[in-house]
Amino acid sequence: MQNYQTIQALRFIAAVSVALTHATFYIKTRIDPGMTIWEVGSQGVQIFFVISGFVMALSSGAIINQPVKWSQFIVRRLARIAPLYWLMNLVKLATLAMLPGFLLAKPDFQNIILSLLFIPSRNENGIVETFYGVGWTLNFEMFFYLLVTIFLYFKKPVIVYSALALGFFLSLGAFRQEEWPAVTYLFHPYLANFIWGLLIAKVASKIEMNRPFLGSLLIAISGYWIFINPIHPTMNLLGIQYAALVFGLLMLEFKSKDNIPKFLLFGGEFSYSLYLTHAMVGPIAALLISKMGIHSITASLIFMLVIMLLVAAACFVYIEKPIGLVISKRLKRSGY
C-alpha cells in the first residue's frame, strides 16, 4: 500500500490537536479553573475518521480491484488497534486499584468488558462511554471495519456498499432516542467522515491528483473552517471541511514528497500512541505542574504537551512497535 507522507503528517497534527484540547481540560479541572478549554482541537477525531476511510479503501484492495481476504483484513485491523488499547485499559485499572482518588473514574465491570470488545455500553451513571475515555472513537473505527469485512466476505464492491451502509446508519441517527440500546450510539453524523474517506480514495484513483494550486486552496479554506472559524456543530456540513483538508493534502503529495519535516512523519508514526497515552499522561503531568509550583498557563500547557509527546514517542518505540512486529510475524506464519 502506498505511503502518503502528507496524510502521515496530518495524523500527527490531528493527534496533537486532540491532545491540546485535553491538556487545556486537565489544566482547567486540576490547576486553574480560569483556563479556557480549547475545544477546536477535538476536531482532530473527525480528521482521523476521514483518514481511516481513505486508508481502509486502500488496505482492503478495493482501489486496485484485488480485495484482500475478509479474515485477513479484520485480523490485521484488530492486531493494529487492540493490543495498545487493551494495555491502556489495564494500566487505568491498575491505577484505580493503587490510587483510587487519582483518576476521575469508577470501574463498572460490564462497561469495562464491553469497552474492551469495542461495543458501546452505558456506565453505572447511564452514560454511553468507554471505560478508557478516548476509546469511544475506536468503537466507531471497529464498526466501520466490521462493515468493510462483511462486504469483503460477500465479495461486494467495498467502497460502494460500505458508503451506502454507513449512510443508512447515519440516517437512522436522525430518529435515535435516548432509550434506544447503547450500540445505536454509533448511528451518528461522524459516520459521514468515513464515507468521505472512501470516496476520496476512489476519486484519487481516477483523476490526476498533482494539483498544488487547487490543493493549497482547499487546505486554506478547510483550515479556516476547522481551526480559525470552526463550524458549529462541527458536523453541520457532514464533515465536508475535513474531507476538503484531506483531499487538498493529497493534491500536494507529489510536490511535498520528501520535503515534509522528518519530525512530522515520525509524529505520524506514533500518533496512535499519542492519542491513547495522552489521556493517562495528562493528569500525571498536571500533578507534576502543581508539585513544581508552575503558575504560568502557557508554561503549564507547554510542559504538559512536551511530556505527552515524549511518553507517546517512547510508547511507540518500546511498546507499540515491538508488539506490532511480534504479532505481524506470527500472523504471517499463520497465513494472515
Protein backbone atom coordinates (compact mmCIF):
# COMPACT_ATOMS: atom_id res chain seq x y z
CA MET A 1 0.00 0.00 0.00
CA GLN A 2 1.36 3.43 -0.96
CA ASN A 3 2.60 5.59 1.89
CA TYR A 4 1.25 9.15 1.67
CA GLN A 5 3.56 11.49 3.55
CA THR A 6 1.06 14.36 3.65
CA ILE A 7 -1.50 12.08 5.31
CA GLN A 8 1.12 10.79 7.74
CA ALA A 9 1.90 14.36 8.78
CA LEU A 10 -1.82 15.11 9.12
CA ARG A 11 -2.18 12.18 11.52
CA PHE A 12 0.30 13.88 13.83
CA ILE A 13 -1.40 17.27 13.57
CA ALA A 14 -4.78 15.69 14.33
CA ALA A 15 -3.42 13.78 17.34
CA VAL A 16 -1.67 16.87 18.73
CA SER A 17 -4.88 18.87 18.31
CA VAL A 18 -6.83 16.36 20.40
CA ALA A 19 -4.04 16.23 22.99
CA LEU A 20 -4.04 20.04 23.26
CA THR A 21 -7.78 20.11 23.82
CA HIS A 22 -7.48 17.60 26.63
CA ALA A 23 -4.43 19.40 28.04
CA THR A 24 -6.48 22.57 28.44
CA PHE A 25 -9.19 20.48 30.12
CA TYR A 26 -6.72 18.96 32.60
CA ILE A 27 -5.29 22.37 33.42
CA LYS A 28 -8.76 23.83 33.97
CA THR A 29 -10.01 20.98 36.16
CA ARG A 30 -6.82 20.31 38.12
CA ILE A 31 -4.74 23.51 38.15
CA ASP A 32 -6.52 26.72 37.12
CA PRO A 33 -10.35 26.90 36.88
CA GLY A 34 -9.95 30.11 34.86
CA MET A 35 -8.40 28.21 31.95
CA THR A 36 -10.46 28.20 28.75
CA ILE A 37 -10.78 24.77 27.15
CA TRP A 38 -9.60 24.79 23.52
CA GLU A 39 -12.44 22.76 22.07
CA VAL A 40 -11.34 23.37 18.48
CA GLY A 41 -8.73 20.62 18.73
CA SER A 42 -11.33 17.92 19.31
CA GLN A 43 -11.98 18.03 15.55
CA GLY A 44 -8.80 16.03 15.15
CA VAL A 45 -11.01 12.98 15.73
CA GLN A 46 -13.14 13.75 12.66
CA ILE A 47 -9.98 14.19 10.61
CA PHE A 48 -8.83 10.76 11.81
CA PHE A 49 -12.12 9.25 10.64
CA VAL A 50 -11.71 10.66 7.12
CA ILE A 51 -8.14 9.34 7.00
CA SER A 52 -9.41 5.96 8.20
CA GLY A 53 -11.96 5.77 5.40
CA PHE A 54 -9.26 6.62 2.88
CA VAL A 55 -6.75 4.11 4.26
CA MET A 56 -9.30 1.29 4.54
CA ALA A 57 -10.24 1.73 0.89
CA LEU A 58 -6.58 1.15 0.07
CA SER A 59 -5.82 -1.64 2.54
CA SER A 60 -8.94 -3.61 1.60
CA GLY A 61 -7.73 -3.77 -2.00
CA ALA A 62 -10.88 -2.02 -3.22
CA ILE A 63 -8.97 0.58 -5.24
CA ILE A 64 -6.96 -1.93 -7.27
CA ASN A 65 -9.91 -4.33 -7.55
CA GLN A 66 -7.99 -7.05 -5.73
CA PRO A 67 -9.85 -7.37 -2.41
CA VAL A 68 -7.93 -9.00 0.41
CA LYS A 69 -9.39 -12.00 2.20
CA TRP A 70 -12.01 -10.87 4.71
CA SER A 71 -10.43 -12.77 7.63
CA GLN A 72 -7.03 -11.33 6.81
CA PHE A 73 -8.43 -7.81 6.78
CA ILE A 74 -10.21 -7.94 10.14
CA VAL A 75 -7.42 -9.85 11.91
CA ARG A 76 -4.86 -7.29 10.75
CA ARG A 77 -7.10 -4.43 11.86
CA LEU A 78 -7.58 -5.96 15.31
CA ALA A 79 -3.85 -6.61 15.58
CA ARG A 80 -3.18 -2.96 14.78
CA ILE A 81 -5.77 -1.41 17.10
CA ALA A 82 -6.45 -3.73 20.02
CA PRO A 83 -3.15 -4.52 21.83
CA LEU A 84 -2.20 -0.99 22.87
CA TYR A 85 -5.81 -0.09 23.65
CA TRP A 86 -6.23 -3.13 25.88
CA LEU A 87 -2.93 -2.34 27.57
CA MET A 88 -4.07 1.22 28.35
CA ASN A 89 -7.28 -0.14 29.87
CA LEU A 90 -5.20 -2.42 32.10
CA VAL A 91 -2.99 0.50 33.11
CA LYS A 92 -6.06 2.52 34.05
CA LEU A 93 -7.47 -0.37 36.09
CA ALA A 94 -4.16 -0.78 37.90
CA THR A 95 -4.01 2.96 38.59
CA LEU A 96 -7.52 2.93 40.02
CA ALA A 97 -6.62 -0.01 42.24
CA MET A 98 -3.45 1.59 43.60
CA LEU A 99 -4.53 5.27 43.57
CA PRO A 100 -8.36 5.26 43.71
CA GLY A 101 -8.63 9.04 44.08
CA PHE A 102 -6.20 9.96 41.33
CA LEU A 103 -8.42 9.39 38.27
CA LEU A 104 -11.94 10.73 37.81
CA ALA A 105 -13.48 7.35 37.03
CA LYS A 106 -15.36 4.49 38.66
CA PRO A 107 -14.93 0.93 37.40
CA ASP A 108 -18.04 -0.81 36.08
CA PHE A 109 -17.43 -4.47 35.20
CA GLN A 110 -19.90 -4.70 32.32
CA ASN A 111 -18.80 -1.38 30.88
CA ILE A 112 -15.14 -2.44 31.06
CA ILE A 113 -15.72 -5.77 29.28
CA LEU A 114 -17.85 -4.23 26.53
CA SER A 115 -15.32 -1.42 26.12
CA LEU A 116 -12.58 -3.99 25.55
CA LEU A 117 -14.81 -5.62 22.91
CA PHE A 118 -15.42 -2.24 21.18
CA ILE A 119 -19.15 -2.40 21.94
CA PRO A 120 -20.82 0.84 23.16
CA SER A 121 -22.38 0.50 26.61
CA ARG A 122 -23.70 2.60 29.45
CA ASN A 123 -21.65 3.05 32.59
CA GLU A 124 -23.10 2.99 36.09
CA ASN A 125 -24.33 6.58 35.57
CA GLY A 126 -26.30 5.57 32.48
CA ILE A 127 -23.96 7.44 30.14
CA VAL A 128 -22.79 5.81 26.91
CA GLU A 129 -19.00 5.96 27.13
CA THR A 130 -15.97 3.72 27.18
CA PHE A 131 -14.08 2.86 30.35
CA TYR A 132 -10.91 4.33 28.85
CA GLY A 133 -12.29 7.70 27.77
CA VAL A 134 -10.73 8.23 24.34
CA GLY A 135 -11.65 4.67 23.36
CA TRP A 136 -15.07 5.82 22.13
CA THR A 137 -13.52 6.64 18.75
CA LEU A 138 -12.29 3.06 18.42
CA ASN A 139 -15.88 1.86 18.71
CA PHE A 140 -16.63 3.84 15.55
CA GLU A 141 -13.48 2.55 13.89
CA MET A 142 -14.33 -1.09 14.63
CA PHE A 143 -17.91 -0.60 13.46
CA PHE A 144 -16.53 0.68 10.16
CA TYR A 145 -14.04 -2.20 9.92
CA LEU A 146 -16.87 -4.66 10.56
CA LEU A 147 -18.87 -3.27 7.66
CA VAL A 148 -15.87 -3.49 5.34
CA THR A 149 -15.25 -7.07 6.50
CA ILE A 150 -18.85 -8.07 5.79
CA PHE A 151 -18.69 -6.76 2.23
CA LEU A 152 -15.32 -8.41 1.68
CA TYR A 153 -16.86 -11.69 2.87
CA PHE A 154 -19.77 -11.40 0.43
CA LYS A 155 -17.41 -10.19 -2.32
CA LYS A 156 -19.28 -6.93 -2.86
CA PRO A 157 -17.72 -3.64 -4.03
CA VAL A 158 -16.37 -2.41 -0.71
CA ILE A 159 -16.43 1.32 -1.34
CA VAL A 160 -19.97 1.50 -2.73
CA TYR A 161 -21.56 -0.91 -0.27
CA SER A 162 -19.72 0.45 2.77
CA ALA A 163 -20.65 4.02 1.86
CA LEU A 164 -24.31 3.04 1.40
CA ALA A 165 -24.39 1.13 4.68
CA LEU A 166 -22.75 3.98 6.56
CA GLY A 167 -25.23 6.41 5.00
CA PHE A 168 -28.12 4.19 6.11
CA PHE A 169 -26.94 4.03 9.72
CA LEU A 170 -26.19 7.74 9.68
CA SER A 171 -29.79 8.39 8.58
CA LEU A 172 -31.13 6.22 11.40
CA GLY A 173 -29.35 8.53 13.81
CA ALA A 174 -31.86 11.28 12.97
CA PHE A 175 -34.53 9.19 14.70
CA ARG A 176 -32.46 7.87 17.59
CA GLN A 177 -33.94 8.24 21.07
CA GLU A 178 -32.03 8.14 24.34
CA GLU A 179 -33.80 4.94 25.42
CA TRP A 180 -32.54 3.03 22.36
CA PRO A 181 -29.83 0.40 23.04
CA ALA A 182 -26.37 1.84 23.67
CA VAL A 183 -25.00 0.33 20.46
CA THR A 184 -27.20 2.72 18.45
CA TYR A 185 -24.92 5.49 19.69
CA LEU A 186 -22.90 4.55 16.61
CA PHE A 187 -25.68 5.93 14.37
CA HIS A 188 -24.01 9.33 14.36
CA PRO A 189 -23.14 12.03 11.78
CA TYR A 190 -19.48 11.12 12.41
CA LEU A 191 -20.06 8.18 10.04
CA ALA A 192 -20.10 10.68 7.17
CA ASN A 193 -16.36 11.16 7.66
CA PHE A 194 -15.67 7.52 6.81
CA ILE A 195 -17.80 7.92 3.69
CA TRP A 196 -15.73 10.93 2.64
CA GLY A 197 -12.54 8.96 3.11
CA LEU A 198 -13.82 6.10 0.94
CA LEU A 199 -14.93 8.49 -1.80
CA ILE A 200 -11.66 10.42 -1.71
CA ALA A 201 -9.74 7.18 -2.27
CA LYS A 202 -11.98 6.33 -5.22
CA VAL A 203 -11.66 9.76 -6.81
CA ALA A 204 -7.89 9.85 -6.19
CA SER A 205 -7.55 6.58 -8.10
CA LYS A 206 -9.37 8.01 -11.13
CA ILE A 207 -8.03 11.53 -11.63
CA GLU A 208 -4.67 13.31 -11.76
CA MET A 209 -4.01 14.39 -8.17
CA ASN A 210 -0.91 16.55 -8.74
CA ARG A 211 -2.76 19.87 -8.46
CA PRO A 212 -0.81 22.01 -5.95
CA PHE A 213 -2.76 25.24 -6.51
CA LEU A 214 -6.16 23.64 -6.03
CA GLY A 215 -4.81 21.61 -3.13
CA SER A 216 -3.45 24.71 -1.41
CA LEU A 217 -6.79 26.47 -1.91
CA LEU A 218 -8.70 23.57 -0.36
CA ILE A 219 -6.29 23.45 2.59
CA ALA A 220 -6.62 27.21 3.18
CA ILE A 221 -10.43 27.15 3.08
CA SER A 222 -10.85 23.98 5.14
CA GLY A 223 -8.16 25.08 7.60
CA TYR A 224 -10.10 28.30 8.19
CA TRP A 225 -13.34 26.37 8.75
CA ILE A 226 -11.68 23.91 11.10
CA PHE A 227 -9.13 25.83 13.17
CA ILE A 228 -9.76 29.57 12.80
CA ASN A 229 -13.51 29.98 12.50
CA PRO A 230 -14.82 26.44 13.11
CA ILE A 231 -18.31 25.44 12.05
CA HIS A 232 -20.60 24.59 14.99
CA PRO A 233 -21.87 21.98 15.43
CA THR A 234 -18.86 20.53 13.65
CA MET A 235 -20.92 18.05 11.61
CA ASN A 236 -23.40 20.64 10.29
CA LEU A 237 -21.93 20.16 6.82
CA LEU A 238 -21.46 16.41 7.39
CA GLY A 239 -17.71 16.87 7.66
CA ILE A 240 -17.05 18.34 4.23
CA GLN A 241 -14.40 20.60 5.78
CA TYR A 242 -12.40 17.56 6.95
CA ALA A 243 -12.79 15.88 3.56
CA ALA A 244 -11.55 19.05 1.85
CA LEU A 245 -8.46 19.14 4.09
CA VAL A 246 -7.52 15.52 3.34
CA PHE A 247 -8.26 15.90 -0.38
CA GLY A 248 -6.21 19.10 -0.56
CA LEU A 249 -3.21 17.48 1.09
CA LEU A 250 -3.36 14.57 -1.34
CA MET A 251 -3.16 17.09 -4.17
CA LEU A 252 0.12 18.31 -2.67
CA GLU A 253 1.56 14.82 -2.17
CA PHE A 254 3.72 14.82 -5.31
CA LYS A 255 5.07 18.32 -4.71
CA SER A 256 5.61 17.78 -0.98
CA LYS A 257 7.10 14.29 -1.10
CA ASP A 258 10.45 14.11 0.69
CA ASN A 259 10.09 17.78 1.72
CA ILE A 260 7.96 17.20 4.81
CA PRO A 261 9.96 17.59 8.07
CA LYS A 262 11.02 14.25 9.49
CA PHE A 263 9.57 15.04 12.91
CA LEU A 264 6.09 15.34 11.38
CA LEU A 265 6.46 11.96 9.69
CA PHE A 266 7.74 10.36 12.88
CA GLY A 267 4.89 12.07 14.73
CA GLY A 268 2.51 10.41 12.30
CA GLU A 269 4.03 7.06 13.18
CA PHE A 270 3.43 7.50 16.91
CA SER A 271 0.11 9.35 16.53
CA TYR A 272 -1.87 6.31 17.75
CA SER A 273 0.33 6.04 20.84
CA LEU A 274 -0.12 9.77 21.41
CA TYR A 275 -3.88 9.52 21.06
CA LEU A 276 -4.13 6.69 23.59
CA THR A 277 -1.47 7.65 26.14
CA HIS A 278 -2.11 11.39 26.45
CA ALA A 279 -5.32 10.76 28.38
CA MET A 280 -3.33 8.96 31.07
CA VAL A 281 -0.27 11.21 30.95
CA GLY A 282 -2.23 14.47 31.21
CA PRO A 283 -3.39 14.04 34.83
CA ILE A 284 0.11 12.94 35.87
CA ALA A 285 1.62 16.00 34.19
CA ALA A 286 -0.94 18.19 35.96
CA LEU A 287 0.17 16.71 39.30
CA LEU A 288 3.81 17.43 38.45
CA ILE A 289 2.95 21.00 37.47
CA SER A 290 1.29 21.53 40.85
CA LYS A 291 4.22 19.99 42.73
CA MET A 292 6.71 22.14 40.79
CA GLY A 293 4.74 25.30 41.51
CA ILE A 294 4.38 26.36 37.88
CA HIS A 295 1.84 29.20 37.76
CA SER A 296 2.03 30.28 34.13
CA ILE A 297 -0.77 28.83 31.98
CA THR A 298 1.45 28.93 28.90
CA ALA A 299 4.32 27.20 30.68
CA SER A 300 1.92 24.59 32.10
CA LEU A 301 0.47 23.88 28.66
CA ILE A 302 3.90 23.57 27.03
CA PHE A 303 5.20 21.35 29.83
CA MET A 304 2.16 19.05 29.62
CA LEU A 305 2.32 18.78 25.83
CA VAL A 306 6.05 18.02 25.86
CA ILE A 307 5.52 15.25 28.44
CA MET A 308 2.66 13.84 26.34
CA LEU A 309 4.82 13.79 23.21
CA LEU A 310 7.84 12.23 24.93
CA VAL A 311 5.79 9.48 26.55
CA ALA A 312 3.95 8.78 23.29
CA ALA A 313 7.19 8.53 21.30
CA ALA A 314 8.67 6.20 23.92
CA CYS A 315 5.49 4.13 23.95
CA PHE A 316 5.66 3.74 20.18
CA VAL A 317 9.35 2.82 20.10
CA TYR A 318 9.42 0.47 23.09
CA ILE A 319 5.85 -0.91 23.27
CA GLU A 320 3.59 -0.37 20.25
CA LYS A 321 6.15 -1.08 17.52
CA PRO A 322 7.76 -4.16 19.13
CA ILE A 323 4.36 -5.68 19.91
CA GLY A 324 3.26 -4.95 16.36
CA LEU A 325 6.32 -6.66 14.89
CA VAL A 326 5.85 -9.77 17.02
CA ILE A 327 2.16 -10.03 16.11
CA SER A 328 2.90 -9.36 12.44
CA LYS A 329 5.45 -12.21 12.30
CA ARG A 330 3.05 -14.63 13.96
CA LEU A 331 0.21 -13.63 11.65
CA LYS A 332 2.40 -14.20 8.59
CA ARG A 333 3.31 -17.66 9.84
CA SER A 334 -0.42 -18.32 10.27
CA GLY A 335 -1.25 -17.15 6.77
CA TYR A 336 -2.52 -13.69 7.69
